[in-house]
C-alpha atoms as a PDB file:
ATOM      1  CA  MET A   1     163.185  -2.620   9.980  1.00  0.00           C
ATOM      2  CA  ARG A   2     165.322  -4.933   7.876  1.00  0.00           C
ATOM      3  CA  PRO A   3     167.843  -4.005   5.170  1.00  0.00           C
ATOM      4  CA  SER A   4     166.321  -4.094   1.705  1.00  0.00           C
ATOM      5  CA  ALA A   5     169.405  -3.262  -0.360  1.00  0.00           C
ATOM      6  CA  HIS A   6     173.110  -2.564  -0.101  1.00  0.00           C
ATOM      7  CA  THR A   7     175.284  -0.202  -2.122  1.00  0.00           C
ATOM      8  CA  SER A   8     179.046   0.163  -2.041  1.00  0.00           C
ATOM      9  CA  PHE A   9     179.000   1.973   1.314  1.00  0.00           C
ATOM     10  CA  ALA A  10     175.386   2.256   2.442  1.00  0.00           C
ATOM     11  CA  THR A  11     172.479   0.122   3.565  1.00  0.00           C
ATOM     12  CA  ASN A  12     168.928   0.868   2.505  1.00  0.00           C
ATOM     13  CA  ALA A  13     166.293  -0.149   5.001  1.00  0.00           C
ATOM     14  CA  GLY A  14     162.720  -0.300   3.708  1.00  0.00           C
ATOM     15  CA  ARG A  15     160.144   1.423   5.895  1.00  0.00           C
ATOM     16  CA  TYR A  16     156.364   1.255   5.745  1.00  0.00           C
ATOM     17  CA  PRO A  17     154.435   3.689   7.939  1.00  0.00           C
ATOM     18  CA  ARG A  18     150.935   2.202   7.962  1.00  0.00           C
ATOM     19  CA  ARG A  19     149.231   5.483   8.760  1.00  0.00           C
ATOM     20  CA  TYR A  20     150.246   7.079   5.456  1.00  0.00           C
ATOM     21  CA  ARG A  21     150.400   3.937   3.295  1.00  0.00           C
ATOM     22  CA  ARG A  22     153.638   5.147   1.672  1.00  0.00           C
ATOM     23  CA  TYR A  23     156.920   3.329   1.286  1.00  0.00           C
ATOM     24  CA  TYR A  24     160.262   4.898   2.169  1.00  0.00           C
ATOM     25  CA  ALA A  25     163.893   3.888   1.950  1.00  0.00           C
ATOM     26  CA  LEU A  26     166.350   4.909   4.630  1.00  0.00           C
ATOM     27  CA  LYS A  27     169.867   5.076   3.220  1.00  0.00           C
ATOM     28  CA  ILE A  28     172.262   4.540   6.129  1.00  0.00           C
ATOM     29  CA  ILE A  29     175.859   5.590   5.524  1.00  0.00           C
ATOM     30  CA  LYS A  30     178.696   4.967   7.979  1.00  0.00           C
ATOM     31  CA  LYS A  31     180.689   8.142   8.583  1.00  0.00           C
ATOM     32  CA  THR A  32     183.938   6.204   9.031  1.00  0.00           C
ATOM     33  CA  TYR A  33     183.561   4.705   5.554  1.00  0.00           C
ATOM     34  CA  VAL A  34     182.774   8.097   4.016  1.00  0.00           C
ATOM     35  CA  LEU A  35     185.971   9.533   5.464  1.00  0.00           C
ATOM     36  CA  LEU A  36     188.077   6.439   4.756  1.00  0.00           C
ATOM     37  CA  MET A  37     187.009   6.373   1.097  1.00  0.00           C
ATOM     38  CA  SER A  38     187.147  10.173   0.668  1.00  0.00           C
ATOM     39  CA  GLN A  39     183.446  10.324  -0.198  1.00  0.00           C
ATOM     40  CA  LEU A  40     182.468  13.406   1.814  1.00  0.00           C
ATOM     41  CA  GLU A  41     182.133  15.713  -1.203  1.00  0.00           C
ATOM     42  CA  HIS A  42     180.282  12.978  -3.088  1.00  0.00           C
ATOM     43  CA  ILE A  43     177.709  12.659  -0.285  1.00  0.00           C
ATOM     44  CA  LYS A  44     177.304  16.434   0.005  1.00  0.00           C
ATOM     45  CA  SER A  45     176.728  16.648  -3.757  1.00  0.00           C
ATOM     46  CA  GLU A  46     174.216  13.800  -3.665  1.00  0.00           C
ATOM     47  CA  VAL A  47     172.154  15.511  -0.956  1.00  0.00           C
ATOM     48  CA  LYS A  48     172.353  18.871  -2.722  1.00  0.00           C
ATOM     49  CA  LEU A  49     171.228  17.411  -6.056  1.00  0.00           C
ATOM     50  CA  LEU A  50     168.436  15.346  -4.520  1.00  0.00           C
ATOM     51  CA  ARG A  51     167.115  18.478  -2.807  1.00  0.00           C
ATOM     52  CA  LEU A  52     167.332  20.466  -6.051  1.00  0.00           C
ATOM     53  CA  LEU A  53     165.918  17.934  -8.504  1.00  0.00           C
ATOM     54  CA  GLN A  54     162.193  17.326  -8.619  1.00  0.00           C
ATOM     55  CA  HIS A  55     161.495  14.888 -11.446  1.00  0.00           C
ATOM     56  CA  PRO A  56     159.513  11.641 -11.785  1.00  0.00           C
ATOM     57  CA  PHE A  57     162.711   9.812 -12.818  1.00  0.00           C
ATOM     58  CA  ILE A  58     164.685  10.992  -9.771  1.00  0.00           C
ATOM     59  CA  VAL A  59     164.099   9.616  -6.292  1.00  0.00           C
ATOM     60  CA  THR A  60     162.664  12.180  -3.874  1.00  0.00           C
ATOM     61  CA  LEU A  61     164.707  13.024  -0.789  1.00  0.00           C
ATOM     62  CA  GLN A  62     162.259  13.480   2.081  1.00  0.00           C
ATOM     63  CA  SER A  63     164.774  14.284   4.809  1.00  0.00           C
ATOM     64  CA  ASN A  64     168.349  13.790   5.912  1.00  0.00           C
ATOM     65  CA  PHE A  65     169.852  13.634   9.390  1.00  0.00           C
ATOM     66  CA  GLN A  66     172.816  12.186  11.251  1.00  0.00           C
ATOM     67  CA  ASP A  67     174.008  10.815  14.556  1.00  0.00           C
ATOM     68  CA  GLU A  68     177.539  10.301  15.862  1.00  0.00           C
ATOM     69  CA  LEU A  69     178.223   7.262  13.647  1.00  0.00           C
ATOM     70  CA  ARG A  70     175.987   7.473  10.592  1.00  0.00           C
ATOM     71  CA  LEU A  71     174.332   9.674   8.000  1.00  0.00           C
ATOM     72  CA  TYR A  72     170.708   8.973   7.099  1.00  0.00           C
ATOM     73  CA  LEU A  73     168.886   9.855   3.890  1.00  0.00           C
ATOM     74  CA  LEU A  74     165.127   9.254   3.949  1.00  0.00           C
ATOM     75  CA  MET A  75     163.841   8.832   0.400  1.00  0.00           C
ATOM     76  CA  GLU A  76     160.845   7.507  -1.418  1.00  0.00           C
ATOM     77  CA  LEU A  77     161.247   3.785  -2.007  1.00  0.00           C
ATOM     78  CA  VAL A  78     161.946   2.951  -5.628  1.00  0.00           C
ATOM     79  CA  ILE A  79     162.015  -0.728  -6.505  1.00  0.00           C
ATOM     80  CA  GLY A  80     164.926  -1.676  -8.729  1.00  0.00           C
ATOM     81  CA  GLY A  81     167.815   0.199  -7.171  1.00  0.00           C
ATOM     82  CA  GLU A  82     170.337   2.694  -8.483  1.00  0.00           C
ATOM     83  CA  LEU A  83     171.255   2.834 -12.154  1.00  0.00           C
ATOM     84  CA  TYR A  84     174.928   2.537 -11.210  1.00  0.00           C
ATOM     85  CA  ALA A  85     174.248  -0.673  -9.251  1.00  0.00           C
ATOM     86  CA  LEU A  86     172.214  -2.125 -12.132  1.00  0.00           C
ATOM     87  CA  LEU A  87     175.034  -1.450 -14.566  1.00  0.00           C
ATOM     88  CA  ARG A  88     177.693  -2.760 -12.176  1.00  0.00           C
ATOM     89  CA  ASN A  89     175.752  -6.003 -11.690  1.00  0.00           C
ATOM     90  CA  ALA A  90     174.955  -6.434 -15.377  1.00  0.00           C
ATOM     91  CA  GLY A  91     178.450  -5.570 -16.608  1.00  0.00           C
ATOM     92  CA  LYS A  92     176.904  -3.971 -19.679  1.00  0.00           C
ATOM     93  CA  PHE A  93     173.422  -3.326 -21.035  1.00  0.00           C
ATOM     94  CA  HIS A  94     172.027  -4.557 -24.332  1.00  0.00           C
ATOM     95  CA  ASN A  95     171.287  -1.740 -26.785  1.00  0.00           C
ATOM     96  CA  ASP A  96     167.550  -1.486 -26.073  1.00  0.00           C
ATOM     97  CA  ARG A  97     168.069  -1.299 -22.327  1.00  0.00           C
ATOM     98  CA  ALA A  98     170.937   1.186 -22.690  1.00  0.00           C
ATOM     99  CA  LYS A  99     168.770   3.417 -24.916  1.00  0.00           C
ATOM    100  CA  TYR A 100     165.953   3.282 -22.378  1.00  0.00           C
ATOM    101  CA  TYR A 101     168.135   4.397 -19.457  1.00  0.00           C
ATOM    102  CA  ALA A 102     169.977   6.971 -21.574  1.00  0.00           C
ATOM    103  CA  SER A 103     166.666   8.513 -22.640  1.00  0.00           C
ATOM    104  CA  GLU A 104     165.582   8.807 -18.991  1.00  0.00           C
ATOM    105  CA  VAL A 105     168.824  10.570 -18.096  1.00  0.00           C
ATOM    106  CA  VAL A 106     168.452  12.943 -21.066  1.00  0.00           C
ATOM    107  CA  LEU A 107     164.868  13.797 -20.068  1.00  0.00           C
ATOM    108  CA  VAL A 108     165.981  14.674 -16.536  1.00  0.00           C
ATOM    109  CA  LEU A 109     168.868  16.810 -17.804  1.00  0.00           C
ATOM    110  CA  GLU A 110     166.645  18.566 -20.363  1.00  0.00           C
ATOM    111  CA  SER A 111     164.027  19.386 -17.741  1.00  0.00           C
ATOM    112  CA  ARG A 112     166.638  20.895 -15.417  1.00  0.00           C
ATOM    113  CA  SER A 113     169.025  22.425 -17.954  1.00  0.00           C
ATOM    114  CA  GLY A 114     168.509  25.975 -16.706  1.00  0.00           C
ATOM    115  CA  ALA A 115     168.932  25.063 -13.042  1.00  0.00           C
ATOM    116  CA  ILE A 116     172.063  22.919 -13.255  1.00  0.00           C
ATOM    117  CA  PHE A 117     173.693  23.467 -16.628  1.00  0.00           C
ATOM    118  CA  PRO A 118     173.534  27.150 -17.635  1.00  0.00           C
END
């Protein structure tokens, strides 16, 4: 398995189980970095939200587990990466692209308004 993407503190390794013909991403997060950067609550929130949200615009968390050194999040593979990483790399979006991503975020929030935002 080779790394397919990197985020600020995690590596995503693409995985292709031939038997099921489905693609997965394994987000590998070093525990030392999580603690060093005070990201523990952020990671807990990410897992909680990914478990709660079921929407076509949100990546599906299949499983999560850990060993002594790392945390692992097994998710469906989505080509293109995280919105945050896209924005960080682009610096800013042109209006049409910004409207497109903003509309996706609004659709997710509208669909889950009762579950997350009472």
